Amino acid sequence: MKFHLSLIALISFALFSFTTISGPDDKAARILQSSQKKLENLNDFTAKFSLAISNPNTGDRAPLARQGSLKYAKGKYIILLKNQDIYCNKAAVWLYMKDMSDVEIMCYDPDESFNVESIFKIYEQSAKAQYRGTEVVGGKTCHKIYIAISDPNLDYNQATIWIDANS
Protein backbone atom coordinates (compact mmCIF):
# COMPACT_ATOMS: atom_id res chain seq x y z
CA MET A 1 0.00 0.00 0.00
CA LYS A 2 1.40 3.39 -0.94
CA PHE A 3 0.98 6.39 1.32
CA HIS A 4 1.61 10.05 0.60
CA LEU A 5 2.52 12.00 3.68
CA SER A 6 2.65 15.72 3.75
CA LEU A 7 5.21 15.45 6.52
CA ILE A 8 5.50 18.74 8.18
CA ALA A 9 8.53 17.70 10.08
CA LEU A 10 10.19 21.06 9.90
CA ILE A 11 13.43 20.55 11.68
CA SER A 12 15.38 23.42 13.15
CA PHE A 13 18.84 22.31 14.19
CA ALA A 14 20.91 24.50 16.47
CA LEU A 15 24.66 24.03 16.61
CA PHE A 16 25.33 25.45 20.02
CA SER A 17 25.32 24.65 23.72
CA PHE A 18 23.01 22.00 25.14
CA THR A 19 19.86 23.31 26.78
CA THR A 20 18.65 21.29 29.73
CA ILE A 21 15.03 20.23 30.00
CA SER A 22 13.98 19.36 33.51
CA GLY A 23 11.87 16.27 34.04
CA PRO A 24 10.24 13.91 31.56
CA ASP A 25 7.55 15.21 29.22
CA ASP A 26 4.99 12.41 28.81
CA LYS A 27 2.96 14.22 26.14
CA ALA A 28 6.00 14.77 23.91
CA ALA A 29 7.08 11.14 24.38
CA ARG A 30 3.59 9.84 23.49
CA ILE A 31 3.41 11.95 20.31
CA LEU A 32 6.92 10.92 19.21
CA GLN A 33 6.27 7.23 19.90
CA SER A 34 2.93 7.33 18.07
CA SER A 35 4.53 9.01 15.05
CA GLN A 36 7.38 6.47 15.07
CA LYS A 37 4.91 3.55 15.07
CA LYS A 38 3.02 5.04 12.13
CA LEU A 39 6.24 5.50 10.16
CA GLU A 40 7.43 1.97 10.93
CA ASN A 41 4.21 0.60 9.40
CA LEU A 42 4.79 2.39 6.10
CA ASN A 43 6.52 0.60 3.23
CA ASP A 44 6.96 3.80 1.27
CA PHE A 45 6.06 7.47 1.40
CA THR A 46 6.80 10.86 -0.06
CA ALA A 47 7.20 14.03 1.98
CA LYS A 48 7.92 17.69 1.58
CA PHE A 49 10.08 19.25 4.28
CA SER A 50 11.78 22.42 5.40
CA LEU A 51 14.74 22.80 7.68
CA ALA A 52 16.63 25.68 9.18
CA ILE A 53 20.16 25.42 10.52
CA SER A 54 21.55 28.05 12.85
CA ASN A 55 24.80 28.57 14.69
CA PRO A 56 24.97 31.47 17.16
CA ASN A 57 28.78 31.36 17.01
CA THR A 58 28.58 32.91 13.54
CA GLY A 59 27.10 36.18 14.77
CA ASP A 60 23.70 37.55 13.85
CA ARG A 61 23.48 35.66 10.58
CA ALA A 62 19.99 34.34 9.82
CA PRO A 63 19.45 30.57 9.90
CA LEU A 64 20.27 28.68 6.73
CA ALA A 65 16.88 27.60 5.38
CA ARG A 66 16.27 24.72 2.98
CA GLN A 67 13.20 23.12 1.45
CA GLY A 68 13.05 19.81 -0.29
CA SER A 69 11.28 16.56 -0.86
CA LEU A 70 11.87 12.99 0.20
CA LYS A 71 10.83 9.74 -1.47
CA TYR A 72 11.32 6.62 0.64
CA ALA A 73 10.72 2.93 -0.09
CA LYS A 74 11.98 0.00 2.00
CA GLY A 75 15.22 1.64 3.11
CA LYS A 76 15.97 3.28 -0.24
CA TYR A 77 15.49 7.00 -0.60
CA ILE A 78 15.85 10.12 -2.72
CA ILE A 79 16.22 13.56 -1.15
CA LEU A 80 15.82 16.48 -3.53
CA LEU A 81 17.01 19.94 -2.48
CA LYS A 82 17.59 23.12 -4.48
CA ASN A 83 21.35 22.63 -4.93
CA GLN A 84 21.81 19.00 -3.93
CA ASP A 85 20.26 15.58 -4.50
CA ILE A 86 20.95 12.46 -2.44
CA TYR A 87 20.18 8.97 -3.70
CA CYS A 88 20.52 5.76 -1.68
CA ASN A 89 19.84 2.18 -2.80
CA LYS A 90 21.01 0.56 0.49
CA ALA A 91 24.36 -0.34 -1.12
CA ALA A 92 25.64 3.11 -2.12
CA VAL A 93 24.85 6.79 -1.60
CA TRP A 94 25.17 9.28 -4.44
CA LEU A 95 25.54 12.93 -3.45
CA TYR A 96 24.96 15.21 -6.46
CA MET A 97 26.04 18.83 -6.00
CA LYS A 98 24.13 20.65 -8.75
CA ASP A 99 26.04 23.94 -8.72
CA MET A 100 29.38 22.11 -9.13
CA SER A 101 28.07 19.35 -11.44
CA ASP A 102 29.81 16.93 -9.11
CA VAL A 103 28.76 13.48 -7.92
CA GLU A 104 30.28 11.79 -4.88
CA ILE A 105 29.60 8.07 -4.46
CA MET A 106 30.02 6.43 -1.07
CA CYS A 107 29.42 2.94 0.28
CA TYR A 108 26.28 2.86 2.40
CA ASP A 109 26.70 1.87 6.03
CA PRO A 110 23.47 2.33 8.00
CA ASP A 111 25.43 2.75 11.23
CA GLU A 112 27.85 5.35 9.87
CA SER A 113 26.07 6.96 6.92
CA PHE A 114 23.15 9.33 6.98
CA ASN A 115 19.93 7.39 6.72
CA VAL A 116 16.32 8.48 6.65
CA GLU A 117 15.38 6.29 9.58
CA SER A 118 17.76 8.23 11.84
CA ILE A 119 15.83 11.43 11.25
CA PHE A 120 12.73 9.89 12.77
CA LYS A 121 14.63 8.31 15.66
CA ILE A 122 16.67 11.35 16.67
CA TYR A 123 14.75 11.66 19.92
CA GLU A 124 15.91 8.19 21.05
CA GLN A 125 19.59 9.23 21.25
CA SER A 126 20.36 10.67 24.68
CA ALA A 127 17.59 13.21 24.22
CA LYS A 128 14.97 14.89 26.29
CA ALA A 129 11.79 16.05 24.58
CA GLN A 130 9.48 18.86 25.63
CA TYR A 131 6.00 19.58 24.27
CA ARG A 132 5.70 23.24 23.24
CA GLY A 133 2.04 23.38 22.18
CA THR A 134 0.59 23.54 18.69
CA GLU A 135 1.45 25.75 15.75
CA VAL A 136 -0.01 26.10 12.26
CA VAL A 137 2.58 25.19 9.64
CA GLY A 138 1.72 25.07 5.96
CA GLY A 139 -1.96 25.39 6.83
CA LYS A 140 -1.89 22.33 9.12
CA THR A 141 -2.08 22.24 12.90
CA CYS A 142 1.10 20.64 14.20
CA HIS A 143 2.43 19.55 17.57
CA LYS A 144 5.64 21.44 18.31
CA ILE A 145 8.23 19.36 20.15
CA TYR A 146 11.63 20.62 21.25
CA ILE A 147 14.40 18.04 21.59
CA ALA A 148 17.70 18.56 23.41
CA ILE A 149 20.35 15.95 22.65
CA SER A 150 23.18 15.34 25.09
CA ASP A 151 25.47 13.27 22.81
CA PRO A 152 28.81 15.15 22.56
CA ASN A 153 29.71 13.21 19.38
CA LEU A 154 26.94 14.85 17.36
CA ASP A 155 27.46 18.06 15.38
CA TYR A 156 24.03 19.29 16.44
CA ASN A 157 22.35 19.20 19.81
CA GLN A 158 18.92 20.72 19.55
CA ALA A 159 15.97 20.22 17.23
CA THR A 160 12.42 21.45 17.02
CA ILE A 161 10.07 19.10 15.22
CA TRP A 162 6.58 19.92 14.03
CA ILE A 163 4.37 16.82 13.67
CA ASP A 164 1.00 16.99 11.91
CA ALA A 165 -1.58 16.68 14.69
CA ASN A 166 -4.07 14.86 12.44
CA SER A 167 -1.82 12.27 10.82
Foldseek 3Di string as FASTA:
>chain_A
DEDEDQWAFAKEFEQDDFDDDPDAAVVQVVVLVVVLVVVVPHQWYKYKYKYWYDYCVVPPDGTDIWIWMWIDGNQWIWIDTPQWIWTGPQQKIWIQGRVVRDIDIDGDDPVPDDGPSCVSCVQVAQKGKDWDAWDQDPNAIWTWIKIAHDDPVDSTGIIITTGGPVD
